[in-house]
């Protein structure tokens, strides 16, 4: 009996092996595809891209969260990453003045650059804070991602870019986008409810990164220390801020972990105001690894400081 059974099994095994060998090249049994290589300029775009793309994308952020995005100098590894990428996501508006030369040096004509700030309602700096740091013709503060309403617009640009590059996963990208937008809306409502209880919403900003956050959550920026990125404020400007803080009894100075704390601490010593260090980038401080984490951290820390000192 054993020889008979053995003879019957051989053709079946051989047939299945042949069938698998024929079908695999056509992707009928499994679909083997490498993730889409995506490069982004700053960490917030990495988080958003991964939220939409999931396992279908491999995202590299050129900045880690501790650098100054205005003055960043690309490294040789950045050039290599851009050469390998199919998409590059930027904020635009002159925030990343170094991107155009980086893309040009990479020399990849097939690389698609997606400007995620398109369609965002811009806030113009009253102090012309970014004069000299933005491209000619650009108008408006570039820190648009600090308003969750703008992030919803940015997310749509990212989703559309992924669909165009990889239409086979359209439904998944759209579902991921919808799920994240729901979470984004919930966090925004939670934080607005928290800030509504504040009696004093005023603060001095170290650097003009916060107008979008202030507008969305009803904070009041009454002065800025460093009105132009990369330059020191004049002694006259600092003295006028000191007098303003004393006269109007402003209690909070907001700085950023990416910047030197020397000037905010000087202002605090002269006025007894409190310095609160926040981050405009996910990953800049412990507990801010994602955009939603960062948004919660910044708003709650600022609200807590204003409430404590009122």
Protein backbone atom coordinates (compact mmCIF):
# COMPACT_ATOMS: atom_id res chain seq x y z
CA UNK A 1 0.00 0.00 0.00
CA UNK A 2 2.77 2.47 0.82
CA UNK A 3 4.30 2.49 -2.68
CA UNK A 4 0.87 3.19 -4.23
CA UNK A 5 0.14 6.21 -1.97
CA UNK A 6 3.62 7.59 -2.56
CA UNK A 7 3.17 7.45 -6.32
CA UNK A 8 -0.18 9.30 -6.12
CA UNK A 9 1.20 12.25 -4.08
CA UNK A 10 4.14 13.08 -6.31
CA UNK A 11 2.16 14.50 -9.25
CA UNK A 12 0.05 16.71 -6.91
CA UNK A 13 3.10 18.22 -5.23
CA UNK A 14 4.78 18.75 -8.56
CA UNK A 15 1.66 20.40 -10.00
CA UNK A 16 1.30 22.83 -7.06
CA UNK A 17 4.97 23.76 -7.20
CA UNK A 18 4.70 24.50 -10.90
CA UNK A 19 1.49 26.51 -10.41
CA UNK A 20 3.02 28.69 -7.70
CA UNK A 21 6.07 29.28 -9.85
CA UNK A 22 3.88 30.43 -12.74
CA UNK A 23 1.60 32.67 -10.70
CA UNK A 24 4.12 34.48 -8.46
CA UNK A 25 5.71 36.57 -11.24
CA UNK A 26 2.28 37.98 -12.12
CA UNK A 27 1.49 38.96 -8.51
CA UNK A 28 -1.57 36.72 -8.26
CA UNK A 29 -0.47 34.92 -5.11
CA UNK A 30 1.20 37.85 -3.33
CA UNK A 31 1.93 41.46 -4.15
CA UNK A 32 5.50 42.38 -3.32
CA UNK A 33 6.10 46.12 -3.44
CA UNK A 34 8.64 48.28 -1.66
CA UNK A 35 7.33 51.27 0.33
CA UNK A 36 7.36 54.61 -1.48
CA UNK A 37 10.51 56.56 -0.48
CA UNK A 38 9.40 59.99 0.74
CA UNK A 39 11.58 62.83 2.03
CA UNK A 40 10.12 65.65 4.12
CA UNK A 41 11.74 68.84 5.34
CA UNK A 42 10.49 68.94 8.95
CA UNK A 43 9.18 66.39 11.47
CA UNK A 44 5.54 67.50 11.36
CA UNK A 45 5.40 66.44 7.70
CA UNK A 46 6.93 63.07 8.58
CA UNK A 47 4.19 62.42 11.10
CA UNK A 48 1.42 63.46 8.71
CA UNK A 49 2.88 61.42 5.85
CA UNK A 50 3.11 58.31 8.03
CA UNK A 51 -0.44 58.80 9.30
CA UNK A 52 -1.74 58.74 5.73
CA UNK A 53 0.70 56.34 4.10
CA UNK A 54 1.09 53.73 6.83
CA UNK A 55 3.20 50.77 5.75
CA UNK A 56 3.10 51.88 2.10
CA UNK A 57 5.58 54.71 2.63
CA UNK A 58 9.08 55.03 4.04
CA UNK A 59 9.53 58.61 5.28
CA UNK A 60 12.79 60.41 6.02
CA UNK A 61 12.78 63.83 7.71
CA UNK A 62 15.75 66.06 6.99
CA UNK A 63 15.30 67.91 10.30
CA UNK A 64 14.96 66.03 13.57
CA UNK A 65 13.08 68.63 15.62
CA UNK A 66 15.98 70.37 17.37
CA UNK A 67 17.27 72.48 14.48
CA UNK A 68 16.23 75.94 13.32
CA UNK A 69 14.35 75.34 10.08
CA UNK A 70 15.31 78.79 8.73
CA UNK A 71 19.06 78.38 9.03
CA UNK A 72 19.41 74.61 8.48
CA UNK A 73 22.32 73.52 6.29
CA UNK A 74 21.73 70.21 4.43
CA UNK A 75 24.17 67.35 4.99
CA UNK A 76 25.56 64.92 2.38
CA UNK A 77 23.17 62.27 3.71
CA UNK A 78 20.27 64.59 2.90
CA UNK A 79 21.38 64.74 -0.72
CA UNK A 80 21.48 60.94 -0.87
CA UNK A 81 17.99 60.69 0.64
CA UNK A 82 16.56 63.17 -1.88
CA UNK A 83 18.12 61.29 -4.79
CA UNK A 84 16.38 58.08 -3.67
CA UNK A 85 12.98 59.69 -3.01
CA UNK A 86 9.94 59.77 -5.27
CA UNK A 87 8.28 62.59 -3.31
CA UNK A 88 9.60 65.54 -1.33
CA UNK A 89 7.14 67.28 0.99
CA UNK A 90 7.83 70.87 2.07
CA UNK A 91 5.92 73.59 3.88
CA UNK A 92 6.93 76.24 1.36
CA UNK A 93 6.48 80.00 1.74
CA UNK A 94 10.25 80.40 2.08
CA UNK A 95 10.45 78.48 5.36
CA UNK A 96 12.98 76.04 3.90
CA UNK A 97 15.09 78.42 1.81
CA UNK A 98 17.67 75.66 1.36
CA UNK A 99 15.35 73.16 -0.37
CA UNK A 100 15.57 74.44 -3.93
CA UNK A 101 19.36 74.12 -4.09
CA UNK A 102 19.18 70.70 -2.44
CA UNK A 103 16.72 69.45 -5.07
CA UNK A 104 18.78 70.99 -7.86
CA UNK A 105 21.96 69.31 -6.62
CA UNK A 106 20.16 65.97 -6.35
CA UNK A 107 19.50 66.17 -10.09
CA UNK A 108 16.54 63.76 -10.11
CA UNK A 109 14.09 64.99 -12.75
CA UNK A 110 11.45 62.46 -11.65
CA UNK A 111 11.28 63.78 -8.06
CA UNK A 112 7.96 65.45 -7.25
CA UNK A 113 8.03 68.37 -4.78
CA UNK A 114 4.73 68.91 -2.94
CA UNK A 115 4.19 72.30 -1.28
CA UNK A 116 1.75 71.50 1.49
CA UNK A 117 0.89 75.09 2.46
CA UNK A 118 -1.00 75.77 -0.78
CA UNK A 119 -4.51 76.99 -0.04
CA UNK A 120 -3.81 77.93 3.58
CA UNK A 121 -5.11 81.31 4.76
CA UNK A 122 -1.94 83.19 5.59
CA UNK A 123 -1.20 85.53 8.49
CA UNK A 124 1.15 88.38 7.67
CA UNK A 125 3.73 89.31 10.32
CA UNK A 126 3.09 92.83 11.54
CA UNK A 127 6.79 93.15 12.29
CA UNK A 128 7.92 91.72 8.92
CA UNK A 129 9.57 89.09 11.07
CA UNK A 130 10.78 86.95 8.22
CA UNK A 131 11.96 89.69 5.89
CA UNK A 132 15.16 88.53 4.27
CA UNK A 133 14.56 84.87 5.11
CA UNK A 134 11.77 84.15 2.59
CA UNK A 135 11.80 83.95 -1.17
CA UNK A 136 10.83 87.03 -3.13
CA UNK A 137 7.08 87.24 -3.67
CA UNK A 138 6.22 85.21 -0.61
CA UNK A 139 3.98 86.92 1.94
CA UNK A 140 2.89 85.56 5.28
CA UNK A 141 4.17 83.75 8.32
CA UNK A 142 5.24 80.21 7.30
CA UNK A 143 4.51 78.39 10.60
CA UNK A 144 1.11 77.34 9.28
CA UNK A 145 1.09 73.87 10.86
CA UNK A 146 0.56 75.32 14.34
CA UNK A 147 -3.13 75.74 13.46
CA UNK A 148 -4.88 72.35 13.19
CA UNK A 149 -7.23 73.79 10.56
CA UNK A 150 -4.23 74.30 8.30
CA UNK A 151 -2.95 70.80 9.02
CA UNK A 152 -6.21 69.45 7.60
CA UNK A 153 -5.41 71.25 4.32
CA UNK A 154 -1.81 69.99 4.37
CA UNK A 155 -3.04 66.45 4.95
CA UNK A 156 -5.20 66.60 1.83
CA UNK A 157 -2.21 67.60 -0.31
CA UNK A 158 -0.23 64.66 1.10
CA UNK A 159 -3.06 62.20 0.53
CA UNK A 160 -3.52 63.32 -3.07
CA UNK A 161 0.21 63.02 -3.76
CA UNK A 162 0.26 59.43 -2.45
CA UNK A 163 -2.79 58.51 -4.52
CA UNK A 164 -1.19 59.87 -7.69
CA UNK A 165 2.04 57.95 -7.08
CA UNK A 166 0.34 54.76 -5.82
CA UNK A 167 -3.31 54.63 -7.01
CA UNK A 168 -3.67 50.94 -6.05
CA UNK A 169 -3.94 51.96 -2.37
CA UNK A 170 -6.30 54.92 -2.87
CA UNK A 171 -9.01 53.59 -0.57
CA UNK A 172 -6.54 52.98 2.25
CA UNK A 173 -4.98 56.44 1.96
CA UNK A 174 -8.41 58.06 2.01
CA UNK A 175 -9.51 56.02 5.02
CA UNK A 176 -6.34 56.93 6.92
CA UNK A 177 -6.86 60.59 6.10
CA UNK A 178 -10.46 60.54 7.32
CA UNK A 179 -9.50 58.80 10.58
CA UNK A 180 -6.76 61.32 11.30
CA UNK A 181 -8.99 64.29 10.54
CA UNK A 182 -11.48 62.99 13.12
CA UNK A 183 -8.73 62.77 15.76
CA UNK A 184 -7.45 66.21 14.81
CA UNK A 185 -10.90 67.71 15.26
CA UNK A 186 -11.32 66.10 18.65
CA UNK A 187 -7.99 67.46 19.93
CA UNK A 188 -8.79 70.93 18.63
CA UNK A 189 -12.14 70.97 20.44
CA UNK A 190 -10.52 69.72 23.65
CA UNK A 191 -7.89 72.47 23.60
CA UNK A 192 -10.31 75.26 22.71
CA UNK A 193 -12.43 74.24 25.68
CA UNK A 194 -9.34 74.42 27.90
CA UNK A 195 -8.28 77.90 26.77
CA UNK A 196 -11.76 79.38 27.11
CA UNK A 197 -11.28 79.46 30.89
CA UNK A 198 -8.30 81.86 30.74
CA UNK A 199 -8.71 85.40 32.02
CA UNK A 200 -5.32 86.61 30.71
CA UNK A 201 -4.19 85.40 27.28
CA UNK A 202 -1.22 87.72 26.65
CA UNK A 203 2.39 86.71 26.13
CA UNK A 204 5.68 87.90 24.64
CA UNK A 205 7.08 85.62 21.91
CA UNK A 206 10.78 84.93 21.49
CA UNK A 207 10.42 84.31 17.75
CA UNK A 208 7.36 84.81 15.48
CA UNK A 209 6.38 81.15 15.30
CA UNK A 210 3.06 81.40 17.12
CA UNK A 211 0.48 83.60 15.30
CA UNK A 212 -1.48 80.65 13.85
CA UNK A 213 -1.66 78.88 17.22
CA UNK A 214 -2.59 82.15 18.92
CA UNK A 215 -5.39 82.83 16.44
CA UNK A 216 -6.89 79.34 16.69
CA UNK A 217 -6.80 79.17 20.51
CA UNK A 218 -7.41 82.87 21.28
CA UNK A 219 -4.02 83.76 22.75
CA UNK A 220 -2.72 87.32 22.44
CA UNK A 221 0.87 87.97 21.27
CA UNK A 222 1.69 91.45 22.52
CA UNK A 223 5.37 91.61 21.53
CA UNK A 224 8.21 89.66 19.92
CA UNK A 225 11.86 89.60 21.02
CA UNK A 226 13.56 88.40 17.85
CA UNK A 227 11.58 90.08 15.08
CA UNK A 228 13.83 88.88 12.25
CA UNK A 229 15.14 85.33 12.08
CA UNK A 230 18.89 85.01 12.46
CA UNK A 231 19.48 88.54 13.77
CA UNK A 232 19.86 90.00 17.26
CA UNK A 233 17.28 92.57 18.41
CA UNK A 234 18.54 96.06 19.11
CA UNK A 235 19.08 97.30 22.65
CA UNK A 236 16.33 99.86 22.03
CA UNK A 237 13.88 97.13 21.05
CA UNK A 238 14.71 95.07 24.14
CA UNK A 239 14.31 98.09 26.41
CA UNK A 240 10.92 98.90 24.89
CA UNK A 241 9.78 95.30 25.53
CA UNK A 242 10.97 95.47 29.14
CA UNK A 243 9.00 98.67 29.67
CA UNK A 244 5.92 97.19 28.01
CA UNK A 245 6.02 94.04 30.14
CA UNK A 246 6.39 96.07 33.33
CA UNK A 247 3.72 98.63 32.46
CA UNK A 248 1.11 96.15 31.18
CA UNK A 249 1.97 93.46 33.74
CA UNK A 250 2.58 90.75 31.15
CA UNK A 251 3.53 87.57 32.98
CA UNK A 252 4.66 85.05 30.33
CA UNK A 253 7.44 84.90 27.73
CA UNK A 254 7.21 82.01 25.24
CA UNK A 255 10.47 80.63 23.89
CA UNK A 256 11.35 77.58 21.80
CA UNK A 257 13.68 74.70 22.54
CA UNK A 258 15.28 75.18 19.11
CA UNK A 259 16.53 78.67 20.07
CA UNK A 260 19.00 80.08 22.59
CA UNK A 261 17.31 80.99 25.87
CA UNK A 262 19.63 83.93 26.60
CA UNK A 263 17.29 86.74 25.55
CA UNK A 264 14.05 85.35 27.06
CA UNK A 265 15.89 84.78 30.35
CA UNK A 266 17.26 88.34 30.23
CA UNK A 267 13.74 89.69 29.75
CA UNK A 268 12.46 87.52 32.59
CA UNK A 269 15.17 88.71 34.98
CA UNK A 270 14.36 92.34 34.25
CA UNK A 271 10.59 91.97 34.57
CA UNK A 272 9.92 88.93 36.80
CA UNK A 273 7.98 87.34 33.91
CA UNK A 274 7.98 83.56 33.53
CA UNK A 275 9.68 81.86 30.57
CA UNK A 276 7.80 78.91 29.09
CA UNK A 277 9.80 76.79 26.63
CA UNK A 278 7.63 75.20 23.93
CA UNK A 279 8.42 73.51 20.62
CA UNK A 280 7.24 74.32 17.12
CA UNK A 281 8.43 70.89 15.96
CA UNK A 282 7.28 67.40 16.96
CA UNK A 283 10.09 65.69 18.83
CA UNK A 284 11.60 68.91 20.12
CA UNK A 285 10.68 68.08 23.73
CA UNK A 286 9.88 64.87 25.58
CA UNK A 287 6.26 63.94 25.06
CA UNK A 288 5.92 65.78 21.73
CA UNK A 289 6.79 62.94 19.36
CA UNK A 290 3.69 63.37 17.16
CA UNK A 291 1.92 66.46 15.90
CA UNK A 292 -1.08 65.89 18.17
CA UNK A 293 1.23 65.35 21.16
CA UNK A 294 3.06 68.58 20.34
CA UNK A 295 -0.15 70.58 19.92
CA UNK A 296 -1.49 69.38 23.28
CA UNK A 297 1.82 70.06 24.99
CA UNK A 298 2.21 73.60 23.67
CA UNK A 299 -1.36 74.73 24.33
CA UNK A 300 -1.61 73.13 27.77
CA UNK A 301 1.80 74.39 28.92
CA UNK A 302 1.00 77.92 27.78
CA UNK A 303 -2.49 77.86 29.28
CA UNK A 304 -1.13 76.54 32.56
CA UNK A 305 1.54 79.26 32.74
CA UNK A 306 -0.97 82.03 32.02
CA UNK A 307 -3.38 80.64 34.59
CA UNK A 308 -0.70 80.25 37.28
CA UNK A 309 0.64 83.78 36.88
CA UNK A 310 -2.74 85.53 36.57
